[in-house]
């Protein structure tokens, strides 16, 4: 659980970055705002101290402990804060963050890595401007956004699909044509993700796809997607995703076929067998508990 007092005592910039990723995985938006602010303050303090030392012709601040460029930490803190504010429906504040990380070229002394990070965040700013436009209901920009996703880096695919689905759900739009544009790429995804951020995106796109189909009363498709999402959430150890997808399936299980219910029950039996494996004196045989002695 997030603790603001503990946060104040943390000075490790790399640790703050890891904490942001973790809170994103847990979907704790308020915690993300606080941690992002602390990360931004910390990197700003380090940068300004380094600039002051240079002006006084003193030894520069040791930045060897940083895993990435100074530009990365400035941009990352603002991106993550903007995402959290967007999730909290504070679009004006999210746009303010986008404006700040859209141009980080003011940072002096950038090496090639730093310049690449500046360019990367400029691209992210363009993407997230489309995101806010769509979430605010400006669906006229959807064709432009679809083309942007086609032309952007591969990592923009899942965030882009999530945005399209979120905007469709909020504003009750049919976006089948846009989803069809990326059908082959989405079908090719295998769910082999390792980072918390990528796992979150992968599971959330399935969750939203299920919701989108439910809203259109495509129950069979929605429940099949939910079953896939449950299996992948379990495989990827994503408890956050599993909880909400499980609630979704149970809530609409009256529309499930016998085959879908059997698949759901088989998955839960497998999970129960696994969690009880280390319990002493008890064994689950698939239908009941028996003595393991």
Protein backbone atom coordinates (compact mmCIF):
# COMPACT_ATOMS: atom_id res chain seq x y z
CA UNK A 1 0.00 0.00 0.00
CA UNK A 2 1.25 3.49 -0.89
CA UNK A 3 2.78 5.42 2.01
CA UNK A 4 3.51 9.12 1.47
CA UNK A 5 5.79 9.30 4.50
CA UNK A 6 7.97 6.51 3.11
CA UNK A 7 7.99 8.20 -0.30
CA UNK A 8 9.49 11.37 1.19
CA UNK A 9 12.46 9.39 2.50
CA UNK A 10 13.33 7.86 -0.90
CA UNK A 11 16.13 9.54 -2.83
CA UNK A 12 17.05 6.77 -5.29
CA UNK A 13 15.88 7.97 -8.71
CA UNK A 14 15.99 4.48 -10.23
CA UNK A 15 13.87 3.12 -7.36
CA UNK A 16 11.27 5.86 -7.90
CA UNK A 17 11.10 4.85 -11.57
CA UNK A 18 10.51 1.21 -10.59
CA UNK A 19 7.84 2.29 -8.10
CA UNK A 20 5.99 4.15 -10.86
CA UNK A 21 5.93 1.03 -13.02
CA UNK A 22 4.64 -1.03 -10.11
CA UNK A 23 1.82 1.39 -9.27
CA UNK A 24 0.84 1.50 -12.94
CA UNK A 25 0.49 -2.28 -12.85
CA UNK A 26 -1.71 -1.96 -9.75
CA UNK A 27 -3.71 0.88 -11.34
CA UNK A 28 -3.17 3.12 -8.32
CA UNK A 29 -3.44 6.46 -10.11
CA UNK A 30 -3.20 8.73 -7.07
CA UNK A 31 -0.02 7.01 -5.91
CA UNK A 32 1.42 7.44 -9.41
CA UNK A 33 0.87 11.21 -9.27
CA UNK A 34 2.73 11.48 -5.95
CA UNK A 35 5.62 9.27 -7.05
CA UNK A 36 5.89 11.04 -10.42
CA UNK A 37 6.10 14.39 -8.65
CA UNK A 38 8.84 13.07 -6.36
CA UNK A 39 10.77 11.65 -9.34
CA UNK A 40 10.46 14.95 -11.22
CA UNK A 41 11.59 16.92 -8.16
CA UNK A 42 14.54 14.59 -7.61
CA UNK A 43 15.86 14.68 -11.18
CA UNK A 44 15.29 18.45 -11.36
CA UNK A 45 17.27 18.94 -8.14
CA UNK A 46 20.13 16.80 -9.45
CA UNK A 47 20.16 18.58 -12.82
CA UNK A 48 20.08 22.07 -11.32
CA UNK A 49 22.89 21.21 -8.89
CA UNK A 50 24.98 19.94 -11.80
CA UNK A 51 24.32 23.12 -13.79
CA UNK A 52 25.30 25.27 -10.81
CA UNK A 53 28.54 23.37 -10.31
CA UNK A 54 29.41 23.80 -13.97
CA UNK A 55 28.77 27.54 -13.74
CA UNK A 56 31.12 27.73 -10.75
CA UNK A 57 33.65 25.48 -12.52
CA UNK A 58 33.33 22.91 -9.76
CA UNK A 59 33.37 19.08 -10.17
CA UNK A 60 30.13 17.92 -11.76
CA UNK A 61 27.48 15.83 -10.04
CA UNK A 62 28.13 12.10 -10.33
CA UNK A 63 25.33 10.68 -12.52
CA UNK A 64 26.86 7.22 -12.94
CA UNK A 65 24.21 5.79 -10.62
CA UNK A 66 21.52 6.71 -13.14
CA UNK A 67 20.52 3.90 -15.47
CA UNK A 68 19.17 6.26 -18.13
CA UNK A 69 19.74 9.81 -19.37
CA UNK A 70 18.60 12.84 -17.40
CA UNK A 71 16.12 13.55 -20.22
CA UNK A 72 14.56 10.13 -19.71
CA UNK A 73 13.72 10.78 -16.06
CA UNK A 74 12.26 14.21 -16.80
CA UNK A 75 10.12 12.76 -19.57
CA UNK A 76 9.13 9.57 -17.78
CA UNK A 77 7.94 11.37 -14.65
CA UNK A 78 5.73 13.63 -16.76
CA UNK A 79 4.41 10.82 -18.97
CA UNK A 80 3.40 8.67 -16.02
CA UNK A 81 1.82 11.58 -14.18
CA UNK A 82 -0.09 12.48 -17.33
CA UNK A 83 -1.37 8.92 -17.72
CA UNK A 84 -2.53 8.85 -14.10
CA UNK A 85 -4.30 12.21 -14.46
CA UNK A 86 -5.93 10.98 -17.67
CA UNK A 87 -7.21 7.88 -15.86
CA UNK A 88 -8.60 10.20 -13.17
CA UNK A 89 -10.40 12.19 -15.92
CA UNK A 90 -8.36 15.35 -15.32
CA UNK A 91 -7.71 15.95 -18.99
CA UNK A 92 -6.62 19.59 -18.62
CA UNK A 93 -3.84 18.64 -16.19
CA UNK A 94 -2.87 15.70 -18.41
CA UNK A 95 -2.51 18.07 -21.37
CA UNK A 96 -0.25 20.27 -19.28
CA UNK A 97 2.03 17.28 -18.71
CA UNK A 98 2.04 16.49 -22.44
CA UNK A 99 3.07 20.05 -23.26
CA UNK A 100 6.00 19.78 -20.85
CA UNK A 101 7.43 16.52 -22.18
CA UNK A 102 6.75 17.31 -25.83
CA UNK A 103 9.91 19.41 -25.94
CA UNK A 104 12.76 18.47 -23.63
CA UNK A 105 15.47 19.85 -25.89
CA UNK A 106 16.13 22.62 -23.36
CA UNK A 107 18.14 20.12 -21.28
CA UNK A 108 21.81 20.93 -21.79
CA UNK A 109 24.68 18.53 -22.20
CA UNK A 110 22.67 15.74 -23.82
CA UNK A 111 24.58 12.84 -25.33
CA UNK A 112 23.20 10.70 -28.16
CA UNK A 113 21.11 8.62 -25.77
CA UNK A 114 19.63 11.75 -24.25
CA UNK A 115 18.79 13.18 -27.67
CA UNK A 116 17.07 9.91 -28.61
CA UNK A 117 15.05 10.09 -25.39
CA UNK A 118 13.98 13.66 -26.22
CA UNK A 119 12.80 12.50 -29.67
CA UNK A 120 10.99 9.52 -28.12
CA UNK A 121 9.03 11.66 -25.70
CA UNK A 122 8.13 14.04 -28.51
CA UNK A 123 6.56 11.05 -30.29
CA UNK A 124 4.78 9.99 -27.07
CA UNK A 125 3.41 13.52 -26.71
CA UNK A 126 1.92 13.37 -30.21
CA UNK A 127 0.34 9.99 -29.42
CA UNK A 128 -1.12 11.12 -26.11
CA UNK A 129 -2.55 14.27 -27.66
CA UNK A 130 -4.57 12.00 -29.95
CA UNK A 131 -5.53 9.95 -26.89
CA UNK A 132 -7.01 12.94 -25.06
CA UNK A 133 -8.80 14.16 -28.19
CA UNK A 134 -10.51 10.78 -28.57
CA UNK A 135 -11.36 10.42 -24.90
CA UNK A 136 -12.96 13.85 -25.01
CA UNK A 137 -15.19 12.60 -27.84
CA UNK A 138 -13.41 14.06 -30.85
CA UNK A 139 -13.83 10.93 -32.96
CA UNK A 140 -13.05 12.86 -36.16
CA UNK A 141 -9.40 12.39 -35.29
CA UNK A 142 -9.69 8.58 -35.19
CA UNK A 143 -8.55 8.03 -38.83
CA UNK A 144 -5.47 10.17 -38.13
CA UNK A 145 -4.77 8.21 -34.95
CA UNK A 146 -5.10 4.87 -36.75
CA UNK A 147 -2.55 6.06 -39.30
CA UNK A 148 -0.31 7.31 -36.50
CA UNK A 149 -0.34 3.87 -34.87
CA UNK A 150 0.53 2.26 -38.21
CA UNK A 151 3.52 4.57 -38.59
CA UNK A 152 4.65 4.56 -34.96
CA UNK A 153 6.90 2.23 -33.03
CA UNK A 154 5.53 -1.26 -32.30
CA UNK A 155 5.13 -0.40 -28.62
CA UNK A 156 2.32 2.02 -29.51
CA UNK A 157 0.01 -0.75 -30.79
CA UNK A 158 -1.54 -1.88 -27.49
CA UNK A 159 -1.83 1.58 -25.91
CA UNK A 160 -3.44 2.70 -29.16
CA UNK A 161 -5.98 -0.13 -29.18
CA UNK A 162 -6.78 0.60 -25.53
CA UNK A 163 -7.44 4.26 -26.35
CA UNK A 164 -9.69 3.37 -29.29
CA UNK A 165 -11.70 0.97 -27.12
CA UNK A 166 -11.94 3.38 -24.17
CA UNK A 167 -13.19 6.19 -26.37
CA UNK A 168 -15.72 3.87 -28.04
CA UNK A 169 -17.06 2.69 -24.69
CA UNK A 170 -17.31 6.18 -23.19
CA UNK A 171 -18.90 7.82 -26.23
CA UNK A 172 -20.84 4.81 -27.55
CA UNK A 173 -19.13 4.67 -30.95
CA UNK A 174 -18.69 1.72 -33.27
CA UNK A 175 -14.98 1.36 -34.00
CA UNK A 176 -15.04 -2.04 -35.71
CA UNK A 177 -13.30 -0.67 -38.79
CA UNK A 178 -10.41 0.69 -36.71
CA UNK A 179 -10.00 -2.60 -34.83
CA UNK A 180 -10.07 -4.51 -38.12
CA UNK A 181 -7.10 -2.38 -39.26
CA UNK A 182 -4.97 -4.10 -36.62
CA UNK A 183 -6.59 -7.53 -36.61
CA UNK A 184 -3.53 -9.37 -37.93
CA UNK A 185 -1.14 -7.65 -35.51
CA UNK A 186 -3.41 -8.35 -32.52
CA UNK A 187 -3.89 -11.99 -33.51
CA UNK A 188 -0.11 -12.37 -33.68
CA UNK A 189 0.38 -11.25 -30.07
CA UNK A 190 1.34 -14.20 -27.92
CA UNK A 191 1.29 -12.63 -24.46
CA UNK A 192 4.97 -13.34 -23.83
CA UNK A 193 5.56 -10.19 -21.82
CA UNK A 194 7.93 -9.65 -18.93
CA UNK A 195 7.64 -6.01 -17.85
CA UNK A 196 4.78 -4.89 -15.62
CA UNK A 197 3.82 -2.13 -18.04
CA UNK A 198 3.57 -4.43 -21.07
CA UNK A 199 1.60 -7.03 -19.10
CA UNK A 200 -0.82 -4.31 -18.01
CA UNK A 201 -1.33 -3.17 -21.61
CA UNK A 202 -1.76 -6.71 -22.93
CA UNK A 203 -4.35 -7.77 -20.35
CA UNK A 204 -6.21 -4.45 -20.46
CA UNK A 205 -6.66 -4.57 -24.22
CA UNK A 206 -8.34 -7.98 -23.83
CA UNK A 207 -10.49 -6.72 -20.95
CA UNK A 208 -11.66 -3.69 -22.94
CA UNK A 209 -12.22 -5.82 -26.05
CA UNK A 210 -14.51 -8.03 -23.97
CA UNK A 211 -16.37 -4.98 -22.64
CA UNK A 212 -16.74 -3.58 -26.14
CA UNK A 213 -18.29 -6.82 -27.37
CA UNK A 214 -20.57 -7.04 -24.33
CA UNK A 215 -21.83 -3.53 -24.99
CA UNK A 216 -22.74 -4.64 -28.52
CA UNK A 217 -24.40 -7.79 -27.08
CA UNK A 218 -21.81 -10.02 -28.80
CA UNK A 219 -21.84 -12.29 -25.76
CA UNK A 220 -20.13 -15.30 -27.27
CA UNK A 221 -17.15 -13.24 -28.51
CA UNK A 222 -16.96 -11.31 -25.26
CA UNK A 223 -16.88 -14.44 -23.11
CA UNK A 224 -14.32 -16.14 -25.36
CA UNK A 225 -12.08 -13.08 -25.04
CA UNK A 226 -12.66 -13.09 -21.26
CA UNK A 227 -11.59 -16.72 -21.05
CA UNK A 228 -8.43 -15.96 -23.01
CA UNK A 229 -7.75 -12.98 -20.74
CA UNK A 230 -8.26 -15.08 -17.60
CA UNK A 231 -5.84 -17.71 -18.82
CA UNK A 232 -3.23 -15.12 -19.76
CA UNK A 233 -3.71 -13.19 -16.48
CA UNK A 234 -3.05 -16.39 -14.57
CA UNK A 235 -0.02 -17.25 -16.73
CA UNK A 236 1.44 -13.76 -16.37
CA UNK A 237 0.62 -13.59 -12.64
CA UNK A 238 -1.46 -10.46 -13.14
CA UNK A 239 -3.82 -10.45 -10.17
CA UNK A 240 -5.18 -6.99 -10.97
CA UNK A 241 -6.34 -8.07 -14.40
CA UNK A 242 -7.61 -11.46 -13.24
CA UNK A 243 -9.90 -9.95 -10.59
CA UNK A 244 -11.76 -7.60 -12.91
CA UNK A 245 -11.97 -10.06 -15.82
CA UNK A 246 -13.21 -12.80 -13.52
CA UNK A 247 -15.92 -10.45 -12.21
CA UNK A 248 -16.85 -9.67 -15.81
CA UNK A 249 -17.19 -13.32 -16.79
CA UNK A 250 -19.22 -14.24 -13.70
CA UNK A 251 -21.55 -11.26 -14.18
CA UNK A 252 -22.40 -12.37 -17.73
CA UNK A 253 -22.08 -16.13 -17.24
CA UNK A 254 -25.81 -16.58 -17.94
CA UNK A 255 -24.92 -16.00 -21.59
CA UNK A 256 -22.13 -18.59 -21.56
CA UNK A 257 -22.36 -21.86 -23.46
CA UNK A 258 -21.74 -25.19 -21.76
CA UNK A 259 -18.32 -25.34 -23.40
CA UNK A 260 -17.39 -21.88 -22.11
CA UNK A 261 -18.49 -22.76 -18.57
CA UNK A 262 -16.49 -25.98 -18.71
CA UNK A 263 -13.40 -24.06 -19.80
CA UNK A 264 -13.92 -21.53 -17.00
CA UNK A 265 -14.33 -24.27 -14.39
CA UNK A 266 -11.28 -26.15 -15.68
CA UNK A 267 -9.16 -23.01 -15.33
CA UNK A 268 -10.30 -22.45 -11.76
CA UNK A 269 -9.71 -26.11 -10.87
CA UNK A 270 -6.16 -25.82 -12.22
CA UNK A 271 -5.55 -22.70 -10.15
CA UNK A 272 -6.96 -24.32 -7.02
CA UNK A 273 -4.81 -27.42 -7.50
CA UNK A 274 -1.75 -25.22 -7.84
CA UNK A 275 -2.37 -23.04 -4.77
CA UNK A 276 -3.13 -26.10 -2.62
CA UNK A 277 -0.06 -28.00 -3.75
CA UNK A 278 1.97 -26.90 -0.75
CA UNK A 279 -0.81 -27.32 1.80
CA UNK A 280 0.04 -30.08 4.25
CA UNK A 281 -2.42 -32.90 4.75
CA UNK A 282 -4.83 -31.84 2.00
CA UNK A 283 -5.16 -32.62 -1.68
CA UNK A 284 -7.65 -31.53 -4.32
CA UNK A 285 -8.66 -34.24 -6.78
CA UNK A 286 -10.56 -31.93 -9.16
CA UNK A 287 -13.93 -32.19 -7.43
CA UNK A 288 -13.31 -32.56 -3.69
CA UNK A 289 -10.70 -32.39 -0.94
CA UNK A 290 -9.07 -35.62 0.16
CA UNK A 291 -6.43 -36.45 2.72
CA UNK A 292 -2.89 -36.34 1.37
CA UNK A 293 -1.69 -38.81 3.99
